[in-house]
Amino acid sequence: MTNPINRSPRAGADGTAPAAATPPVRVLVVEDETIVAMYLTDMLEELSYEVCGIAANAADALKIAERERPALALVDIGLAGPQDGIETAQALRERFAVGSIFMSGASDPVLLERARAAGPHGFIQKPYDERQLKTLLNNAAPQH
């Protein structure tokens, strides 16, 4: 029988220290529609990812990335403002080595080809499906 006095409060049942838990992958959500950003945040948290920030434009995304150092970013291609989501994802990768998964409701082949050329880890079409998002995140996360 194990003496409970010799066990730390975090020790396993056999008195040994528990294995170090893997910290959750940190994800930045770059989406200019508040409701959609909240929905994505809920999905990510349910999938055990850590949302380290939500940005509605490129400038905010870069500030958050500099401060929070996410591993991945979910980026809406159609961001409002002077920089679209493709330019934002490129800046995140170049400045902070943040990989991106593009989100879009667009089906414009020219826009999608431009997005492909930016080297994302994947695409997810609106409306978002949790299973599809999970697959994309799992495929992208080991690369970071």
Protein backbone atom coordinates (compact mmCIF):
# COMPACT_ATOMS: atom_id res chain seq x y z
CA MET A 1 0.00 0.00 0.00
CA THR A 2 1.33 3.43 -0.93
CA ASN A 3 1.91 5.87 1.87
CA PRO A 4 -0.23 8.95 1.01
CA ILE A 5 2.19 11.23 2.87
CA ASN A 6 4.92 10.55 0.30
CA ARG A 7 2.73 11.34 -2.69
CA SER A 8 2.58 14.80 -4.16
CA PRO A 9 -0.94 16.10 -4.87
CA ARG A 10 -0.23 15.78 -8.61
CA ALA A 11 1.31 12.32 -8.46
CA GLY A 12 -0.29 9.37 -10.20
CA ALA A 13 -1.95 6.50 -8.36
CA ASP A 14 1.38 4.67 -8.16
CA GLY A 15 3.09 7.70 -6.55
CA THR A 16 5.03 8.66 -9.66
CA ALA A 17 4.90 12.08 -11.24
CA PRO A 18 2.36 12.39 -14.06
CA ALA A 19 3.54 12.71 -17.62
CA ALA A 20 3.85 16.30 -18.80
CA ALA A 21 0.67 17.38 -20.55
CA THR A 22 1.03 18.65 -24.08
CA PRO A 23 -0.08 22.28 -24.19
CA PRO A 24 -2.92 23.03 -26.61
CA VAL A 25 -2.09 24.42 -30.03
CA ARG A 26 -2.53 28.21 -30.03
CA VAL A 27 -4.75 29.50 -32.83
CA LEU A 28 -5.41 33.07 -33.96
CA VAL A 29 -8.83 33.70 -35.54
CA VAL A 30 -8.76 36.42 -38.24
CA GLU A 31 -12.39 37.11 -39.11
CA ASP A 32 -14.18 40.45 -39.50
CA GLU A 33 -17.67 39.09 -38.74
CA THR A 34 -18.07 38.98 -34.95
CA ILE A 35 -20.70 36.22 -34.88
CA VAL A 36 -18.59 33.99 -37.14
CA ALA A 37 -15.47 34.65 -35.03
CA MET A 38 -17.37 33.68 -31.87
CA TYR A 39 -18.71 30.52 -33.53
CA LEU A 40 -15.19 29.53 -34.62
CA THR A 41 -13.83 30.24 -31.16
CA ASP A 42 -16.42 27.94 -29.61
CA MET A 43 -15.62 25.18 -32.12
CA LEU A 44 -11.88 25.51 -31.56
CA GLU A 45 -12.24 25.38 -27.79
CA GLU A 46 -14.48 22.30 -28.04
CA LEU A 47 -11.71 20.69 -30.11
CA SER A 48 -9.18 21.53 -27.33
CA TYR A 49 -7.36 24.29 -29.21
CA GLU A 50 -6.44 27.52 -27.44
CA VAL A 51 -7.74 30.66 -29.14
CA CYS A 52 -5.06 33.22 -28.35
CA GLY A 53 -6.82 36.11 -30.07
CA ILE A 54 -9.44 37.32 -32.51
CA ALA A 55 -8.59 39.95 -35.10
CA ALA A 56 -10.95 41.71 -37.48
CA ASN A 57 -8.23 43.09 -39.77
CA ALA A 58 -4.60 42.63 -40.81
CA ALA A 59 -3.16 45.24 -38.44
CA ASP A 60 -4.82 43.65 -35.41
CA ALA A 61 -3.80 40.15 -36.54
CA LEU A 62 -0.14 41.17 -36.75
CA LYS A 63 -0.23 42.87 -33.33
CA ILE A 64 -1.82 39.82 -31.71
CA ALA A 65 0.61 37.44 -33.45
CA GLU A 66 3.59 39.45 -32.25
CA ARG A 67 2.32 39.36 -28.66
CA GLU A 68 0.77 35.86 -28.51
CA ARG A 69 2.87 33.81 -30.98
CA PRO A 70 0.15 31.48 -32.30
CA ALA A 71 1.09 28.28 -34.10
CA LEU A 72 -1.74 28.61 -36.60
CA ALA A 73 -4.21 31.19 -37.87
CA LEU A 74 -7.68 30.68 -39.30
CA VAL A 75 -7.90 33.52 -41.80
CA ASP A 76 -10.96 34.75 -43.69
CA ILE A 77 -9.84 35.45 -47.25
CA GLY A 78 -12.34 38.30 -47.63
CA LEU A 79 -11.20 40.56 -44.80
CA ALA A 80 -12.32 44.16 -44.94
CA GLY A 81 -9.63 46.81 -45.01
CA PRO A 82 -6.53 47.61 -47.04
CA GLN A 83 -5.12 44.06 -46.72
CA ASP A 84 -7.21 41.01 -47.51
CA GLY A 85 -6.85 37.67 -45.78
CA ILE A 86 -4.33 36.35 -48.29
CA GLU A 87 -1.96 39.27 -47.70
CA THR A 88 -2.54 38.95 -43.96
CA ALA A 89 -1.66 35.24 -43.98
CA GLN A 90 1.50 35.93 -45.99
CA ALA A 91 2.56 38.60 -43.48
CA LEU A 92 1.86 36.26 -40.55
CA ARG A 93 4.01 33.56 -42.13
CA GLU A 94 6.87 35.88 -43.11
CA ARG A 95 7.06 37.82 -39.83
CA PHE A 96 6.11 35.20 -37.25
CA ALA A 97 6.22 31.78 -38.98
CA VAL A 98 2.48 31.34 -38.42
CA GLY A 99 0.82 28.84 -40.72
CA SER A 100 -2.67 29.59 -41.99
CA ILE A 101 -5.87 27.83 -42.90
CA PHE A 102 -8.02 29.94 -45.20
CA MET A 103 -11.74 30.36 -44.70
CA SER A 104 -13.98 31.58 -47.45
CA GLY A 105 -17.44 31.63 -48.87
CA ALA A 106 -16.02 32.70 -52.24
CA SER A 107 -15.74 30.44 -55.22
CA ASP A 108 -13.94 32.88 -57.55
CA PRO A 109 -11.25 30.75 -59.25
CA VAL A 110 -8.80 33.67 -59.58
CA LEU A 111 -9.09 34.48 -55.87
CA LEU A 112 -8.75 30.82 -54.90
CA GLU A 113 -5.67 30.40 -57.09
CA ARG A 114 -4.12 33.48 -55.48
CA ALA A 115 -4.89 31.95 -52.08
CA ARG A 116 -3.33 28.60 -53.09
CA ALA A 117 -0.16 30.41 -54.16
CA ALA A 118 0.14 31.80 -50.60
CA GLY A 119 0.86 28.29 -49.30
CA PRO A 120 -1.90 27.69 -46.74
CA HIS A 121 -2.24 24.45 -44.80
CA GLY A 122 -5.75 24.16 -46.17
CA PHE A 123 -9.09 25.72 -46.98
CA ILE A 124 -12.46 25.53 -45.30
CA GLN A 125 -15.60 26.72 -47.05
CA LYS A 126 -18.43 28.55 -45.31
CA PRO A 127 -20.60 27.32 -43.69
CA TYR A 128 -18.02 25.69 -41.46
CA ASP A 129 -18.22 22.04 -40.55
CA GLU A 130 -16.61 21.06 -37.24
CA ARG A 131 -15.41 17.70 -38.57
CA GLN A 132 -13.74 19.31 -41.58
CA LEU A 133 -12.16 21.98 -39.37
CA LYS A 134 -10.84 19.32 -36.99
CA THR A 135 -9.24 17.40 -39.86
CA LEU A 136 -7.56 20.51 -41.24
CA LEU A 137 -6.27 21.55 -37.81
CA ASN A 138 -4.95 18.07 -37.04
CA ASN A 139 -3.12 17.97 -40.36
CA ALA A 140 -1.63 21.43 -39.88
CA ALA A 141 -0.81 21.32 -36.14
CA PRO A 142 2.01 18.72 -36.25
CA GLN A 143 3.88 20.99 -38.65
CA HIS A 144 4.26 23.60 -35.89
